[in-house]
Amino acid sequence: QNFSPEWTVVNAPGFMANPEEDGTR
């Protein structure tokens, strides 16, 4: 009821990064 999150995990397995644009490997 009074929960206040300090950290957030955002987990999207179906999202594919574009390495050239996004800076990933």
PDB file of all heavy atoms in Angstrom:
ATOM      1  N   GLN A   1       0.821  -1.219   0.000  1.00  0.00           N
ATOM      2  CA  GLN A   1       0.000   0.000   0.000  1.00  0.00           C
ATOM      3  C   GLN A   1       0.856   1.269   0.000  1.00  0.00           C
ATOM      4  O   GLN A   1       0.502   2.261  -0.614  1.00  0.00           O
ATOM      5  CB  GLN A   1      -0.974  -0.013   1.189  1.00  0.00           C
ATOM      6  CG  GLN A   1      -2.050  -1.085   1.078  1.00  0.00           C
ATOM      7  CD  GLN A   1      -2.719  -1.135  -0.299  1.00  0.00           C
ATOM      8  OE1 GLN A   1      -3.236  -0.127  -0.788  1.00  0.00           O
ATOM      9  NE2 GLN A   1      -2.706  -2.302  -0.930  1.00  0.00           N
ATOM     10  N   ASN A   2       1.982   1.219   0.695  1.00  0.00           N
ATOM     11  CA  ASN A   2       2.870   2.399   0.742  1.00  0.00           C
ATOM     12  C   ASN A   2       4.188   2.127   0.025  1.00  0.00           C
ATOM     13  O   ASN A   2       5.197   2.742   0.324  1.00  0.00           O
ATOM     14  CB  ASN A   2       3.143   2.788   2.202  1.00  0.00           C
ATOM     15  CG  ASN A   2       1.866   3.153   2.920  1.00  0.00           C
ATOM     16  OD1 ASN A   2       1.099   3.966   2.428  1.00  0.00           O
ATOM     17  ND2 ASN A   2       1.622   2.525   4.068  1.00  0.00           N
ATOM     18  N   PHE A   3       4.153   1.204  -0.927  1.00  0.00           N
ATOM     19  CA  PHE A   3       5.387   0.773  -1.595  1.00  0.00           C
ATOM     20  C   PHE A   3       5.910   1.865  -2.524  1.00  0.00           C
ATOM     21  O   PHE A   3       5.184   2.399  -3.358  1.00  0.00           O
ATOM     22  CB  PHE A   3       5.105  -0.497  -2.402  1.00  0.00           C
ATOM     23  CG  PHE A   3       6.341  -1.150  -2.955  1.00  0.00           C
ATOM     24  CD1 PHE A   3       7.017  -2.126  -2.236  1.00  0.00           C
ATOM     25  CD2 PHE A   3       6.839  -0.802  -4.206  1.00  0.00           C
ATOM     26  CE1 PHE A   3       8.158  -2.743  -2.747  1.00  0.00           C
ATOM     27  CE2 PHE A   3       7.969  -1.404  -4.723  1.00  0.00           C
ATOM     28  CZ  PHE A   3       8.631  -2.388  -3.991  1.00  0.00           C
ATOM     29  N   SER A   4       7.186   2.194  -2.336  1.00  0.00           N
ATOM     30  CA  SER A   4       7.811   3.195  -3.209  1.00  0.00           C
ATOM     31  C   SER A   4       9.051   2.565  -3.844  1.00  0.00           C
ATOM     32  O   SER A   4      10.035   2.306  -3.160  1.00  0.00           O
ATOM     33  CB  SER A   4       8.203   4.417  -2.369  1.00  0.00           C
ATOM     34  OG  SER A   4       8.918   5.326  -3.159  1.00  0.00           O
ATOM     35  N   PRO A   5       8.996   2.263  -5.159  1.00  0.00           N
ATOM     36  CA  PRO A   5      10.137   1.578  -5.776  1.00  0.00           C
ATOM     37  C   PRO A   5      11.361   2.476  -5.877  1.00  0.00           C
ATOM     38  O   PRO A   5      11.255   3.654  -6.231  1.00  0.00           O
ATOM     39  CB  PRO A   5       9.627   1.198  -7.169  1.00  0.00           C
ATOM     40  CG  PRO A   5       8.405   1.998  -7.408  1.00  0.00           C
ATOM     41  CD  PRO A   5       7.889   2.460  -6.089  1.00  0.00           C
ATOM     42  N   GLU A   6      12.522   1.922  -5.537  1.00  0.00           N
ATOM     43  CA  GLU A   6      13.778   2.672  -5.670  1.00  0.00           C
ATOM     44  C   GLU A   6      14.449   2.363  -7.010  1.00  0.00           C
ATOM     45  O   GLU A   6      14.945   3.249  -7.683  1.00  0.00           O
ATOM     46  CB  GLU A   6      14.726   2.314  -4.508  1.00  0.00           C
ATOM     47  CG  GLU A   6      15.959   3.201  -4.495  1.00  0.00           C
ATOM     48  CD  GLU A   6      16.866   2.952  -3.299  1.00  0.00           C
ATOM     49  OE1 GLU A   6      16.431   2.303  -2.329  1.00  0.00           O
ATOM     50  OE2 GLU A   6      18.019   3.404  -3.356  1.00  0.00           O
ATOM     51  N   TRP A   7      14.445   1.094  -7.384  1.00  0.00           N
ATOM     52  CA  TRP A   7      14.995   0.680  -8.681  1.00  0.00           C
ATOM     53  C   TRP A   7      13.876   0.140  -9.565  1.00  0.00           C
ATOM     54  O   TRP A   7      12.875  -0.370  -9.066  1.00  0.00           O
ATOM     55  CB  TRP A   7      16.067  -0.400  -8.488  1.00  0.00           C
ATOM     56  CG  TRP A   7      17.444   0.201  -8.341  1.00  0.00           C
ATOM     57  CD1 TRP A   7      17.923   0.858  -7.246  1.00  0.00           C
ATOM     58  CD2 TRP A   7      18.484   0.222  -9.322  1.00  0.00           C
ATOM     59  NE1 TRP A   7      19.208   1.288  -7.479  1.00  0.00           N
ATOM     60  CE2 TRP A   7      19.581   0.908  -8.750  1.00  0.00           C
ATOM     61  CE3 TRP A   7      18.604  -0.265 -10.616  1.00  0.00           C
ATOM     62  CZ2 TRP A   7      20.785   1.114  -9.441  1.00  0.00           C
ATOM     63  CZ3 TRP A   7      19.803  -0.070 -11.307  1.00  0.00           C
ATOM     64  CH2 TRP A   7      20.882   0.620 -10.729  1.00  0.00           C
ATOM     65  N   THR A   8      14.081   0.265 -10.869  1.00  0.00           N
ATOM     66  CA  THR A   8      13.124  -0.252 -11.845  1.00  0.00           C
ATOM     67  C   THR A   8      13.847  -1.169 -12.824  1.00  0.00           C
ATOM     68  O   THR A   8      14.920  -0.824 -13.321  1.00  0.00           O
ATOM     69  CB  THR A   8      12.464   0.907 -12.635  1.00  0.00           C
ATOM     70  OG1 THR A   8      11.941   1.855 -11.706  1.00  0.00           O
ATOM     71  CG2 THR A   8      11.348   0.403 -13.530  1.00  0.00           C
ATOM     72  N   VAL A   9      13.256  -2.334 -13.076  1.00  0.00           N
ATOM     73  CA  VAL A   9      13.749  -3.232 -14.129  1.00  0.00           C
ATOM     74  C   VAL A   9      12.750  -3.164 -15.269  1.00  0.00           C
ATOM     75  O   VAL A   9      11.565  -3.442 -15.083  1.00  0.00           O
ATOM     76  CB  VAL A   9      13.863  -4.696 -13.633  1.00  0.00           C
ATOM     77  CG1 VAL A   9      14.332  -5.607 -14.767  1.00  0.00           C
ATOM     78  CG2 VAL A   9      14.794  -4.798 -12.434  1.00  0.00           C
ATOM     79  N   VAL A  10      13.207  -2.751 -16.445  1.00  0.00           N
ATOM     80  CA  VAL A  10      12.361  -2.725 -17.640  1.00  0.00           C
ATOM     81  C   VAL A  10      12.872  -3.834 -18.558  1.00  0.00           C
ATOM     82  O   VAL A  10      14.017  -3.799 -19.006  1.00  0.00           O
ATOM     83  CB  VAL A  10      12.399  -1.354 -18.353  1.00  0.00           C
ATOM     84  CG1 VAL A  10      11.530  -1.363 -19.599  1.00  0.00           C
ATOM     85  CG2 VAL A  10      11.949  -0.245 -17.399  1.00  0.00           C
ATOM     86  N   ASN A  11      12.012  -4.821 -18.800  1.00  0.00           N
ATOM     87  CA  ASN A  11      12.434  -6.061 -19.455  1.00  0.00           C
ATOM     88  C   ASN A  11      11.558  -6.318 -20.690  1.00  0.00           C
ATOM     89  O   ASN A  11      10.381  -6.640 -20.564  1.00  0.00           O
ATOM     90  CB  ASN A  11      12.318  -7.201 -18.423  1.00  0.00           C
ATOM     91  CG  ASN A  11      12.497  -8.579 -19.023  1.00  0.00           C
ATOM     92  OD1 ASN A  11      11.618  -9.423 -18.868  1.00  0.00           O
ATOM     93  ND2 ASN A  11      13.598  -8.825 -19.681  1.00  0.00           N
ATOM     94  N   ALA A  12      12.170  -6.144 -21.884  1.00  0.00           N
ATOM     95  CA  ALA A  12      11.431  -6.282 -23.152  1.00  0.00           C
ATOM     96  C   ALA A  12      12.176  -7.242 -24.083  1.00  0.00           C
ATOM     97  O   ALA A  12      12.917  -6.808 -24.973  1.00  0.00           O
ATOM     98  CB  ALA A  12      11.262  -4.913 -23.802  1.00  0.00           C
ATOM     99  N   PRO A  13      11.994  -8.553 -23.886  1.00  0.00           N
ATOM    100  CA  PRO A  13      12.722  -9.523 -24.718  1.00  0.00           C
ATOM    101  C   PRO A  13      12.436  -9.399 -26.211  1.00  0.00           C
ATOM    102  O   PRO A  13      13.297  -9.719 -27.045  1.00  0.00           O
ATOM    103  CB  PRO A  13      12.233 -10.881 -24.190  1.00  0.00           C
ATOM    104  CG  PRO A  13      11.746 -10.619 -22.810  1.00  0.00           C
ATOM    105  CD  PRO A  13      11.182  -9.233 -22.846  1.00  0.00           C
ATOM    106  N   GLY A  14      11.243  -8.913 -26.563  1.00  0.00           N
ATOM    107  CA  GLY A  14      10.874  -8.819 -27.982  1.00  0.00           C
ATOM    108  C   GLY A  14      11.422  -7.586 -28.682  1.00  0.00           C
ATOM    109  O   GLY A  14      11.322  -7.459 -29.911  1.00  0.00           O
ATOM    110  N   PHE A  15      12.020  -6.657 -27.925  1.00  0.00           N
ATOM    111  CA  PHE A  15      12.575  -5.438 -28.529  1.00  0.00           C
ATOM    112  C   PHE A  15      13.994  -5.710 -29.017  1.00  0.00           C
ATOM    113  O   PHE A  15      14.841  -6.171 -28.250  1.00  0.00           O
ATOM    114  CB  PHE A  15      12.590  -4.291 -27.510  1.00  0.00           C
ATOM    115  CG  PHE A  15      13.268  -3.049 -28.034  1.00  0.00           C
ATOM    116  CD1 PHE A  15      12.541  -2.085 -28.724  1.00  0.00           C
ATOM    117  CD2 PHE A  15      14.641  -2.866 -27.875  1.00  0.00           C
ATOM    118  CE1 PHE A  15      13.173  -0.948 -29.219  1.00  0.00           C
ATOM    119  CE2 PHE A  15      15.273  -1.733 -28.377  1.00  0.00           C
ATOM    120  CZ  PHE A  15      14.540  -0.774 -29.049  1.00  0.00           C
ATOM    121  N   MET A  16      14.267  -5.414 -30.271  1.00  0.00           N
ATOM    122  CA  MET A  16      15.616  -5.623 -30.821  1.00  0.00           C
ATOM    123  C   MET A  16      16.288  -4.269 -31.059  1.00  0.00           C
ATOM    124  O   MET A  16      15.749  -3.414 -31.764  1.00  0.00           O
ATOM    125  CB  MET A  16      15.538  -6.385 -32.150  1.00  0.00           C
ATOM    126  CG  MET A  16      14.825  -7.719 -32.056  1.00  0.00           C
ATOM    127  SD  MET A  16      15.715  -8.927 -31.051  1.00  0.00           S
ATOM    128  CE  MET A  16      14.376 -10.034 -30.566  1.00  0.00           C
ATOM    129  N   ALA A  17      17.472  -4.101 -30.483  1.00  0.00           N
ATOM    130  CA  ALA A  17      18.211  -2.850 -30.676  1.00  0.00           C
ATOM    131  C   ALA A  17      18.841  -2.823 -32.068  1.00  0.00           C
ATOM    132  O   ALA A  17      19.080  -3.856 -32.684  1.00  0.00           O
ATOM    133  CB  ALA A  17      19.293  -2.719 -29.615  1.00  0.00           C
ATOM    134  N   ASN A  18      19.116  -1.603 -32.514  1.00  0.00           N
ATOM    135  CA  ASN A  18      19.862  -1.402 -33.758  1.00  0.00           C
ATOM    136  C   ASN A  18      21.263  -0.919 -33.354  1.00  0.00           C
ATOM    137  O   ASN A  18      21.420   0.232 -32.941  1.00  0.00           O
ATOM    138  CB  ASN A  18      19.139  -0.349 -34.610  1.00  0.00           C
ATOM    139  CG  ASN A  18      19.910   0.017 -35.866  1.00  0.00           C
ATOM    140  OD1 ASN A  18      21.091  -0.318 -36.006  1.00  0.00           O
ATOM    141  ND2 ASN A  18      19.248   0.693 -36.779  1.00  0.00           N
ATOM    142  N   PRO A  19      22.296  -1.786 -33.427  1.00  0.00           N
ATOM    143  CA  PRO A  19      23.610  -1.432 -32.869  1.00  0.00           C
ATOM    144  C   PRO A  19      24.181  -0.117 -33.404  1.00  0.00           C
ATOM    145  O   PRO A  19      24.730   0.677 -32.639  1.00  0.00           O
ATOM    146  CB  PRO A  19      24.497  -2.625 -33.266  1.00  0.00           C
ATOM    147  CG  PRO A  19      23.551  -3.754 -33.475  1.00  0.00           C
ATOM    148  CD  PRO A  19      22.277  -3.149 -33.971  1.00  0.00           C
ATOM    149  N   GLU A  20      24.038   0.132 -34.716  1.00  0.00           N
ATOM    150  CA  GLU A  20      24.616   1.365 -35.289  1.00  0.00           C
ATOM    151  C   GLU A  20      23.988   2.606 -34.657  1.00  0.00           C
ATOM    152  O   GLU A  20      24.658   3.587 -34.366  1.00  0.00           O
ATOM    153  CB  GLU A  20      24.395   1.418 -36.813  1.00  0.00           C
ATOM    154  CG  GLU A  20      25.242   0.443 -37.616  1.00  0.00           C
ATOM    155  CD  GLU A  20      24.710  -0.978 -37.566  1.00  0.00           C
ATOM    156  OE1 GLU A  20      23.476  -1.153 -37.524  1.00  0.00           O
ATOM    157  OE2 GLU A  20      25.540  -1.918 -37.531  1.00  0.00           O
ATOM    158  N   GLU A  21      22.707   2.518 -34.411  1.00  0.00           N
ATOM    159  CA  GLU A  21      21.967   3.681 -33.897  1.00  0.00           C
ATOM    160  C   GLU A  21      21.994   3.752 -32.367  1.00  0.00           C
ATOM    161  O   GLU A  21      22.078   4.828 -31.776  1.00  0.00           O
ATOM    162  CB  GLU A  21      20.514   3.539 -34.375  1.00  0.00           C
ATOM    163  CG  GLU A  21      19.739   4.819 -34.424  1.00  0.00           C
ATOM    164  CD  GLU A  21      18.346   4.566 -35.006  1.00  0.00           C
ATOM    165  OE1 GLU A  21      18.227   4.422 -36.238  1.00  0.00           O
ATOM    166  OE2 GLU A  21      17.391   4.494 -34.201  1.00  0.00           O
ATOM    167  N   ASP A  22      21.928   2.575 -31.717  1.00  0.00           N
ATOM    168  CA  ASP A  22      21.689   2.541 -30.271  1.00  0.00           C
ATOM    169  C   ASP A  22      22.944   2.404 -29.416  1.00  0.00           C
ATOM    170  O   ASP A  22      22.876   2.517 -28.188  1.00  0.00           O
ATOM    171  CB  ASP A  22      20.721   1.395 -29.936  1.00  0.00           C
ATOM    172  CG  ASP A  22      19.359   1.587 -30.611  1.00  0.00           C
ATOM    173  OD1 ASP A  22      18.941   2.749 -30.735  1.00  0.00           O
ATOM    174  OD2 ASP A  22      18.742   0.579 -30.998  1.00  0.00           O
ATOM    175  N   GLY A  23      24.079   2.113 -30.043  1.00  0.00           N
ATOM    176  CA  GLY A  23      25.326   2.029 -29.267  1.00  0.00           C
ATOM    177  C   GLY A  23      25.553   0.691 -28.598  1.00  0.00           C
ATOM    178  O   GLY A  23      26.468   0.540 -27.783  1.00  0.00           O
ATOM    179  N   THR A  24      24.719  -0.295 -28.932  1.00  0.00           N
ATOM    180  CA  THR A  24      24.909  -1.642 -28.386  1.00  0.00           C
ATOM    181  C   THR A  24      25.864  -2.418 -29.287  1.00  0.00           C
ATOM    182  O   THR A  24      26.256  -1.949 -30.356  1.00  0.00           O
ATOM    183  CB  THR A  24      23.558  -2.383 -28.310  1.00  0.00           C
ATOM    184  OG1 THR A  24      22.979  -2.397 -29.621  1.00  0.00           O
ATOM    185  CG2 THR A  24      22.601  -1.699 -27.354  1.00  0.00           C
ATOM    186  N   ARG A  25      26.233  -3.634 -28.867  1.00  0.00           N
ATOM    187  CA  ARG A  25      27.110  -4.477 -29.696  1.00  0.00           C
ATOM    188  C   ARG A  25      26.288  -5.229 -30.734  1.00  0.00           C
ATOM    189  O   ARG A  25      26.702  -5.418 -31.865  1.00  0.00           O
ATOM    190  CB  ARG A  25      27.863  -5.467 -28.797  1.00  0.00           C
ATOM    191  CG  ARG A  25      28.896  -6.323 -29.520  1.00  0.00           C
ATOM    192  CD  ARG A  25      29.546  -7.300 -28.557  1.00  0.00           C
ATOM    193  NE  ARG A  25      28.649  -8.385 -28.186  1.00  0.00           N
ATOM    194  CZ  ARG A  25      28.673  -9.606 -28.718  1.00  0.00           C
ATOM    195  NH1 ARG A  25      29.540  -9.895 -29.666  1.00  0.00           N
ATOM    196  NH2 ARG A  25      27.814 -10.529 -28.318  1.00  0.00           N
TER     197      ARG A  25
END
